[in-house]
PDB file of N, CA and C in Angstrom:
ATOM      1  N   MET A   1       0.899  -1.073   0.020  1.00  0.00           N
ATOM      2  CA  MET A   1       0.041   0.107   0.066  1.00  0.00           C
ATOM      3  C   MET A   1       0.924   1.324  -0.035  1.00  0.00           C
ATOM      4  N   THR A   2       0.558   2.088  -0.884  1.00  0.00           N
ATOM      5  CA  THR A   2       1.288   3.449  -0.907  1.00  0.00           C
ATOM      6  C   THR A   2       0.873   4.326   0.197  1.00  0.00           C
ATOM      7  N   ARG A   3       1.469   5.475   0.250  1.00  0.00           N
ATOM      8  CA  ARG A   3       1.315   6.587   1.261  1.00  0.00           C
ATOM      9  C   ARG A   3      -0.298   7.079   0.792  1.00  0.00           C
ATOM     10  N   ILE A   4      -0.339   7.372  -0.511  1.00  0.00           N
ATOM     11  CA  ILE A   4      -1.638   7.957  -1.003  1.00  0.00           C
ATOM     12  C   ILE A   4      -2.727   6.974  -0.616  1.00  0.00           C
ATOM     13  N   GLU A   5      -2.619   5.799  -1.015  1.00  0.00           N
ATOM     14  CA  GLU A   5      -3.672   4.635  -0.845  1.00  0.00           C
ATOM     15  C   GLU A   5      -4.026   4.739   0.775  1.00  0.00           C
ATOM     16  N   ALA A   6      -3.046   4.732   1.703  1.00  0.00           N
ATOM     17  CA  ALA A   6      -3.264   4.708   3.098  1.00  0.00           C
ATOM     18  C   ALA A   6      -4.077   5.877   3.514  1.00  0.00           C
ATOM     19  N   ILE A   7      -3.637   7.036   2.928  1.00  0.00           N
ATOM     20  CA  ILE A   7      -4.459   8.260   3.349  1.00  0.00           C
ATOM     21  C   ILE A   7      -5.862   8.104   2.836  1.00  0.00           C
ATOM     22  N   GLU A   8      -6.086   7.793   1.597  1.00  0.00           N
ATOM     23  CA  GLU A   8      -7.370   7.539   1.035  1.00  0.00           C
ATOM     24  C   GLU A   8      -8.184   6.574   1.923  1.00  0.00           C
ATOM     25  N   LEU A   9      -7.614   5.469   2.351  1.00  0.00           N
ATOM     26  CA  LEU A   9      -8.328   4.623   3.108  1.00  0.00           C
ATOM     27  C   LEU A   9      -8.706   5.246   4.510  1.00  0.00           C
ATOM     28  N   ILE A  10      -7.836   5.857   5.175  1.00  0.00           N
ATOM     29  CA  ILE A  10      -8.090   6.561   6.410  1.00  0.00           C
ATOM     30  C   ILE A  10      -9.176   7.573   6.217  1.00  0.00           C
ATOM     31  N   THR A  11      -9.148   8.360   5.212  1.00  0.00           N
ATOM     32  CA  THR A  11     -10.159   9.370   4.948  1.00  0.00           C
ATOM     33  C   THR A  11     -11.365   8.789   4.649  1.00  0.00           C
ATOM     34  N   ALA A  12     -11.512   7.717   3.977  1.00  0.00           N
ATOM     35  CA  ALA A  12     -12.855   7.061   3.513  1.00  0.00           C
ATOM     36  C   ALA A  12     -13.412   6.356   4.833  1.00  0.00           C
ATOM     37  N   THR A  13     -12.580   5.977   5.785  1.00  0.00           N
ATOM     38  CA  THR A  13     -13.128   5.255   6.956  1.00  0.00           C
ATOM     39  C   THR A  13     -13.523   6.129   8.006  1.00  0.00           C
ATOM     40  N   LEU A  14     -12.987   7.275   8.123  1.00  0.00           N
ATOM     41  CA  LEU A  14     -13.263   8.283   9.246  1.00  0.00           C
ATOM     42  C   LEU A  14     -14.789   8.483   9.460  1.00  0.00           C
ATOM     43  N   PRO A  15     -15.622   8.767   8.390  1.00  0.00           N
ATOM     44  CA  PRO A  15     -17.011   8.921   8.729  1.00  0.00           C
ATOM     45  C   PRO A  15     -17.842   7.646   9.461  1.00  0.00           C
ATOM     46  N   SER A  16     -17.141   6.573   9.150  1.00  0.00           N
ATOM     47  CA  SER A  16     -17.883   5.438   9.725  1.00  0.00           C
ATOM     48  C   SER A  16     -17.511   5.078  11.278  1.00  0.00           C
ATOM     49  N   LEU A  17     -16.519   5.799  11.592  1.00  0.00           N
ATOM     50  CA  LEU A  17     -15.996   5.483  13.032  1.00  0.00           C
ATOM     51  C   LEU A  17     -16.792   6.295  14.123  1.00  0.00           C
ATOM     52  N   ASP A  18     -17.052   5.588  15.178  1.00  0.00           N
ATOM     53  CA  ASP A  18     -17.699   6.410  16.287  1.00  0.00           C
ATOM     54  C   ASP A  18     -16.638   7.246  16.959  1.00  0.00           C
ATOM     55  N   GLU A  19     -17.376   7.968  17.923  1.00  0.00           N
ATOM     56  CA  GLU A  19     -16.433   9.032  18.491  1.00  0.00           C
ATOM     57  C   GLU A  19     -15.261   8.301  19.239  1.00  0.00           C
ATOM     58  N   GLN A  20     -15.483   7.382  19.827  1.00  0.00           N
ATOM     59  CA  GLN A  20     -14.339   6.693  20.547  1.00  0.00           C
ATOM     60  C   GLN A  20     -13.236   6.080  19.684  1.00  0.00           C
ATOM     61  N   GLN A  21     -13.712   5.570  18.512  1.00  0.00           N
ATOM     62  CA  GLN A  21     -12.758   4.962  17.585  1.00  0.00           C
ATOM     63  C   GLN A  21     -12.001   6.061  17.085  1.00  0.00           C
ATOM     64  N   ALA A  22     -12.687   7.247  16.775  1.00  0.00           N
ATOM     65  CA  ALA A  22     -11.869   8.418  16.096  1.00  0.00           C
ATOM     66  C   ALA A  22     -10.893   8.940  17.002  1.00  0.00           C
ATOM     67  N   MET A  23     -11.284   9.054  18.375  1.00  0.00           N
ATOM     68  CA  MET A  23     -10.331   9.534  19.318  1.00  0.00           C
ATOM     69  C   MET A  23      -9.099   8.602  19.472  1.00  0.00           C
ATOM     70  N   GLU A  24      -9.315   7.214  19.349  1.00  0.00           N
ATOM     71  CA  GLU A  24      -8.219   6.272  19.517  1.00  0.00           C
ATOM     72  C   GLU A  24      -7.319   6.443  18.240  1.00  0.00           C
ATOM     73  N   LEU A  25      -7.948   6.632  17.102  1.00  0.00           N
ATOM     74  CA  LEU A  25      -7.103   6.690  15.960  1.00  0.00           C
ATOM     75  C   LEU A  25      -6.274   8.026  16.012  1.00  0.00           C
ATOM     76  N   ALA A  26      -6.848   9.120  16.468  1.00  0.00           N
ATOM     77  CA  ALA A  26      -6.160  10.296  16.655  1.00  0.00           C
ATOM     78  C   ALA A  26      -4.949  10.106  17.613  1.00  0.00           C
ATOM     79  N   GLU A  27      -5.151   9.294  18.761  1.00  0.00           N
ATOM     80  CA  GLU A  27      -4.046   9.086  19.714  1.00  0.00           C
ATOM     81  C   GLU A  27      -3.170   8.390  19.002  1.00  0.00           C
ATOM     82  N   VAL A  28      -3.432   7.330  18.109  1.00  0.00           N
ATOM     83  CA  VAL A  28      -2.187   6.509  17.536  1.00  0.00           C
ATOM     84  C   VAL A  28      -1.494   7.464  16.634  1.00  0.00           C
ATOM     85  N   ALA A  29      -2.074   8.431  15.846  1.00  0.00           N
ATOM     86  CA  ALA A  29      -1.463   9.228  14.986  1.00  0.00           C
ATOM     87  C   ALA A  29      -0.626  10.195  15.747  1.00  0.00           C
ATOM     88  N   LYS A  30      -1.110  10.641  16.847  1.00  0.00           N
ATOM     89  CA  LYS A  30      -0.353  11.561  17.749  1.00  0.00           C
ATOM     90  C   LYS A  30       0.837  10.918  18.413  1.00  0.00           C
ATOM     91  N   SER A  31       0.768   9.646  18.698  1.00  0.00           N
ATOM     92  CA  SER A  31       1.854   8.831  19.156  1.00  0.00           C
ATOM     93  C   SER A  31       3.147   8.716  18.286  1.00  0.00           C
ATOM     94  N   MET A  32       2.542   8.466  16.912  1.00  0.00           N
ATOM     95  CA  MET A  32       3.408   8.149  15.892  1.00  0.00           C
ATOM     96  C   MET A  32       4.371   9.593  15.674  1.00  0.00           C
ATOM     97  N   ILE A  33       3.708  10.755  15.603  1.00  0.00           N
ATOM     98  CA  ILE A  33       4.446  11.765  15.421  1.00  0.00           C
ATOM     99  C   ILE A  33       5.444  12.313  16.541  1.00  0.00           C
ATOM    100  N   SER A  34       4.896  11.859  17.929  1.00  0.00           N
ATOM    101  CA  SER A  34       5.979  12.327  18.968  1.00  0.00           C
ATOM    102  C   SER A  34       7.033  11.243  19.238  1.00  0.00           C
ATOM    103  N   ALA A  35       6.833  10.149  18.705  1.00  0.00           N
ATOM    104  CA  ALA A  35       8.018   9.072  18.941  1.00  0.00           C
ATOM    105  C   ALA A  35       8.823   9.185  17.675  1.00  0.00           C
ATOM    106  N   PRO A  36      10.145   9.659  17.914  1.00  0.00           N
ATOM    107  CA  PRO A  36      11.062   9.851  16.869  1.00  0.00           C
ATOM    108  C   PRO A  36      11.487   8.433  16.179  1.00  0.00           C
ATOM    109  N   ILE A  37      11.571   8.540  14.958  1.00  0.00           N
ATOM    110  CA  ILE A  37      11.799   7.414  14.134  1.00  0.00           C
ATOM    111  C   ILE A  37      13.364   7.172  14.167  1.00  0.00           C
ATOM    112  N   PRO A  38      13.976   6.013  14.681  1.00  0.00           N
ATOM    113  CA  PRO A  38      15.433   5.970  14.763  1.00  0.00           C
ATOM    114  C   PRO A  38      16.029   5.844  13.256  1.00  0.00           C
ATOM    115  N   LEU A  39      17.047   6.578  12.975  1.00  0.00           N
ATOM    116  CA  LEU A  39      17.667   6.443  11.700  1.00  0.00           C
ATOM    117  C   LEU A  39      18.787   5.573  11.871  1.00  0.00           C
ATOM    118  N   LYS A  40      19.047   4.754  10.750  1.00  0.00           N
ATOM    119  CA  LYS A  40      20.163   3.755  10.723  1.00  0.00           C
ATOM    120  C   LYS A  40      20.855   4.347   9.702  1.00  0.00           C
ATOM    121  N   LEU A  41      22.134   5.036  10.082  1.00  0.00           N
ATOM    122  CA  LEU A  41      23.052   5.598   9.410  1.00  0.00           C
ATOM    123  C   LEU A  41      24.284   4.831   9.016  1.00  0.00           C
ATOM    124  N   THR A  42      24.936   4.844   7.923  1.00  0.00           N
ATOM    125  CA  THR A  42      26.251   4.079   7.771  1.00  0.00           C
ATOM    126  C   THR A  42      27.279   5.156   8.418  1.00  0.00           C
ATOM    127  N   ALA A  43      28.566   4.589   8.603  1.00  0.00           N
ATOM    128  CA  ALA A  43      29.665   5.483   9.184  1.00  0.00           C
ATOM    129  C   ALA A  43      29.951   6.472   8.159  1.00  0.00           C
ATOM    130  N   GLU A  44      29.834   6.153   6.957  1.00  0.00           N
ATOM    131  CA  GLU A  44      29.990   7.247   5.841  1.00  0.00           C
ATOM    132  C   GLU A  44      29.047   8.441   5.803  1.00  0.00           C
ATOM    133  N   GLU A  45      27.872   8.042   6.213  1.00  0.00           N
ATOM    134  CA  GLU A  45      26.761   9.026   6.206  1.00  0.00           C
ATOM    135  C   GLU A  45      26.920   9.799   7.542  1.00  0.00           C
ATOM    136  N   LEU A  46      27.320   9.286   8.685  1.00  0.00           N
ATOM    137  CA  LEU A  46      27.495   9.984   9.863  1.00  0.00           C
ATOM    138  C   LEU A  46      28.672  10.918   9.625  1.00  0.00           C
ATOM    139  N   ALA A  47      29.801  10.409   9.031  1.00  0.00           N
ATOM    140  CA  ALA A  47      30.939  11.236   8.791  1.00  0.00           C
ATOM    141  C   ALA A  47      30.588  12.510   7.688  1.00  0.00           C
ATOM    142  N   GLY A  48      29.636  12.288   6.889  1.00  0.00           N
ATOM    143  CA  GLY A  48      29.274  13.329   6.000  1.00  0.00           C
ATOM    144  C   GLY A  48      28.409  14.230   6.799  1.00  0.00           C
ATOM    145  N   ILE A  49      27.662  13.853   7.857  1.00  0.00           N
ATOM    146  CA  ILE A  49      26.944  15.050   8.607  1.00  0.00           C
ATOM    147  C   ILE A  49      27.766  15.594   9.389  1.00  0.00           C
ATOM    148  N   GLU A  50      28.924  14.970   9.940  1.00  0.00           N
ATOM    149  CA  GLU A  50      29.856  15.828  10.759  1.00  0.00           C
ATOM    150  C   GLU A  50      30.620  16.864   9.966  1.00  0.00           C
ATOM    151  N   ARG A  51      30.892  16.514   8.765  1.00  0.00           N
ATOM    152  CA  ARG A  51      31.594  17.399   7.942  1.00  0.00           C
ATOM    153  C   ARG A  51      30.842  18.638   7.496  1.00  0.00           C
ATOM    154  N   ALA A  52      29.417  18.363   7.344  1.00  0.00           N
ATOM    155  CA  ALA A  52      28.436  19.465   7.065  1.00  0.00           C
ATOM    156  C   ALA A  52      28.332  20.202   8.267  1.00  0.00           C
ATOM    157  N   ARG A  53      28.285  19.849   9.528  1.00  0.00           N
ATOM    158  CA  ARG A  53      28.229  20.682  10.724  1.00  0.00           C
ATOM    159  C   ARG A  53      29.420  21.416  10.873  1.00  0.00           C
ATOM    160  N   GLU A  54      30.537  20.838  10.560  1.00  0.00           N
ATOM    161  CA  GLU A  54      32.022  21.691  10.506  1.00  0.00           C
ATOM    162  C   GLU A  54      31.771  22.814   9.607  1.00  0.00           C
ATOM    163  N   ASP A  55      31.365  22.443   8.367  1.00  0.00           N
ATOM    164  CA  ASP A  55      31.159  23.471   7.399  1.00  0.00           C
ATOM    165  C   ASP A  55      30.265  24.603   7.770  1.00  0.00           C
ATOM    166  N   PHE A  56      29.251  24.160   8.279  1.00  0.00           N
ATOM    167  CA  PHE A  56      28.193  25.277   8.754  1.00  0.00           C
ATOM    168  C   PHE A  56      28.871  26.183   9.875  1.00  0.00           C
ATOM    169  N   GLY A  57      29.533  25.579  10.864  1.00  0.00           N
ATOM    170  CA  GLY A  57      30.149  26.097  11.904  1.00  0.00           C
ATOM    171  C   GLY A  57      31.178  27.081  11.519  1.00  0.00           C
ATOM    172  N   MET A  58      31.940  26.806  10.251  1.00  0.00           N
ATOM    173  CA  MET A  58      32.995  27.671   9.809  1.00  0.00           C
ATOM    174  C   MET A  58      32.456  28.694   8.758  1.00  0.00           C
ATOM    175  N   GLY A  59      31.190  28.648   8.528  1.00  0.00           N
ATOM    176  CA  GLY A  59      30.597  29.506   7.639  1.00  0.00           C
ATOM    177  C   GLY A  59      30.802  29.128   6.154  1.00  0.00           C
ATOM    178  N   ARG A  60      31.115  27.902   6.012  1.00  0.00           N
ATOM    179  CA  ARG A  60      31.195  27.424   4.549  1.00  0.00           C
ATOM    180  C   ARG A  60      30.011  26.837   4.069  1.00  0.00           C
ATOM    181  N   SER A  61      29.069  27.668   3.614  1.00  0.00           N
ATOM    182  CA  SER A  61      27.756  27.228   3.202  1.00  0.00           C
ATOM    183  C   SER A  61      27.315  28.248   2.097  1.00  0.00           C
ATOM    184  N   LEU A  62      26.301  27.765   1.289  1.00  0.00           N
ATOM    185  CA  LEU A  62      25.853  28.698   0.198  1.00  0.00           C
ATOM    186  C   LEU A  62      24.405  29.082   0.469  1.00  0.00           C
ATOM    187  N   SER A  63      23.912  30.194  -0.055  1.00  0.00           N
ATOM    188  CA  SER A  63      22.672  30.347  -0.019  1.00  0.00           C
ATOM    189  C   SER A  63      21.732  29.480  -1.117  1.00  0.00           C
ATOM    190  N   SER A  64      20.663  29.438  -1.016  1.00  0.00           N
ATOM    191  CA  SER A  64      19.901  28.582  -2.041  1.00  0.00           C
ATOM    192  C   SER A  64      20.038  29.144  -3.489  1.00  0.00           C
ATOM    193  N   SER A  65      20.157  30.434  -3.601  1.00  0.00           N
ATOM    194  CA  SER A  65      20.283  31.004  -4.954  1.00  0.00           C
ATOM    195  C   SER A  65      21.683  30.476  -5.459  1.00  0.00           C
ATOM    196  N   GLU A  66      22.818  30.580  -4.497  1.00  0.00           N
ATOM    197  CA  GLU A  66      24.093  30.328  -4.982  1.00  0.00           C
ATOM    198  C   GLU A  66      24.151  28.775  -5.292  1.00  0.00           C
ATOM    199  N   ALA A  67      23.539  27.887  -4.561  1.00  0.00           N
ATOM    200  CA  ALA A  67      23.447  26.612  -4.834  1.00  0.00           C
ATOM    201  C   ALA A  67      22.888  26.204  -5.953  1.00  0.00           C
ATOM    202  N   ARG A  68      21.735  26.881  -6.434  1.00  0.00           N
ATOM    203  CA  ARG A  68      20.934  26.551  -7.604  1.00  0.00           C
ATOM    204  C   ARG A  68      21.898  27.134  -8.864  1.00  0.00           C
ATOM    205  N   ALA A  69      22.566  28.083  -8.658  1.00  0.00           N
ATOM    206  CA  ALA A  69      23.452  28.559  -9.775  1.00  0.00           C
ATOM    207  C   ALA A  69      24.648  27.716  -9.994  1.00  0.00           C
ATOM    208  N   MET A  70      25.197  27.198  -8.863  1.00  0.00           N
ATOM    209  CA  MET A  70      26.213  26.172  -9.023  1.00  0.00           C
ATOM    210  C   MET A  70      25.786  24.991  -9.779  1.00  0.00           C
ATOM    211  N   SER A  71      24.572  24.509  -9.344  1.00  0.00           N
ATOM    212  CA  SER A  71      23.905  23.205  -9.928  1.00  0.00           C
ATOM    213  C   SER A  71      23.744  23.568 -11.338  1.00  0.00           C
ATOM    214  N   ALA A  72      23.170  24.686 -11.815  1.00  0.00           N
ATOM    215  CA  ALA A  72      22.781  24.816 -13.167  1.00  0.00           C
ATOM    216  C   ALA A  72      24.165  24.794 -13.990  1.00  0.00           C
ATOM    217  N   GLU A  73      25.030  25.530 -13.424  1.00  0.00           N
ATOM    218  CA  GLU A  73      26.541  25.482 -14.116  1.00  0.00           C
ATOM    219  C   GLU A  73      27.015  24.115 -14.311  1.00  0.00           C
ATOM    220  N   LEU A  74      26.985  23.306 -13.296  1.00  0.00           N
ATOM    221  CA  LEU A  74      27.396  21.867 -13.407  1.00  0.00           C
ATOM    222  C   LEU A  74      26.664  21.133 -14.353  1.00  0.00           C
ATOM    223  N   ALA A  75      25.243  21.322 -14.400  1.00  0.00           N
ATOM    224  CA  ALA A  75      24.492  20.546 -15.427  1.00  0.00           C
ATOM    225  C   ALA A  75      24.800  21.121 -16.823  1.00  0.00           C
ATOM    226  N   ALA A  76      25.019  22.263 -17.009  1.00  0.00           N
ATOM    227  CA  ALA A  76      25.345  22.809 -18.312  1.00  0.00           C
ATOM    228  C   ALA A  76      26.674  22.231 -18.716  1.00  0.00           C
ATOM    229  N   LYS A  77      27.733  22.149 -17.987  1.00  0.00           N
ATOM    230  CA  LYS A  77      29.032  21.534 -18.334  1.00  0.00           C
ATOM    231  C   LYS A  77      28.776  20.090 -18.656  1.00  0.00           C
ATOM    232  N   ARG A  78      27.986  19.316 -17.849  1.00  0.00           N
ATOM    233  CA  ARG A  78      27.741  17.914 -18.195  1.00  0.00           C
ATOM    234  C   ARG A  78      27.064  17.862 -19.456  1.00  0.00           C
ATOM    235  N   ARG A  79      26.150  18.685 -19.765  1.00  0.00           N
ATOM    236  CA  ARG A  79      25.319  18.485 -21.024  1.00  0.00           C
ATOM    237  C   ARG A  79      26.387  18.685 -22.183  1.00  0.00           C
ATOM    238  N   ALA A  80      27.379  19.766 -21.922  1.00  0.00           N
ATOM    239  CA  ALA A  80      28.180  20.081 -23.135  1.00  0.00           C
ATOM    240  C   ALA A  80      29.214  18.911 -23.249  1.00  0.00           C
ATOM    241  N   VAL A  81      29.627  18.279 -22.235  1.00  0.00           N
ATOM    242  CA  VAL A  81      30.534  17.099 -22.309  1.00  0.00           C
ATOM    243  C   VAL A  81      29.817  15.817 -23.025  1.00  0.00           C
ATOM    244  N   THR A  82      28.582  15.645 -22.588  1.00  0.00           N
ATOM    245  CA  THR A  82      27.844  14.403 -23.296  1.00  0.00           C
ATOM    246  C   THR A  82      27.406  14.833 -24.715  1.00  0.00           C
ATOM    247  N   ALA A  83      27.302  16.200 -24.945  1.00  0.00           N
ATOM    248  CA  ALA A  83      26.718  16.526 -26.415  1.00  0.00           C
ATOM    249  C   ALA A  83      27.960  16.548 -27.349  1.00  0.00           C
ATOM    250  N   GLY A  84      29.307  16.712 -26.799  1.00  0.00           N
ATOM    251  CA  GLY A  84      30.408  17.088 -27.601  1.00  0.00           C
ATOM    252  C   GLY A  84      31.329  15.866 -27.776  1.00  0.00           C
TER     253      GLY A  84
END
């Protein structure tokens, strides 16, 4: 079942629930939001996060417009290489 299918099923089922069932469903949803989902990261991913924290701490970061410009430039270079 996809996320969209699950949401559709929940939405379709809500009108047929009595008040107690609706409150219980709300409590289940609330508990899922409040309980953090543990992430299983590899050593490489953890090292990347640490490097990113160091970069931000040292002011080595880009604005979103700077990042988009760099991405556009890189994409243009790759297109030029594959086209030529």
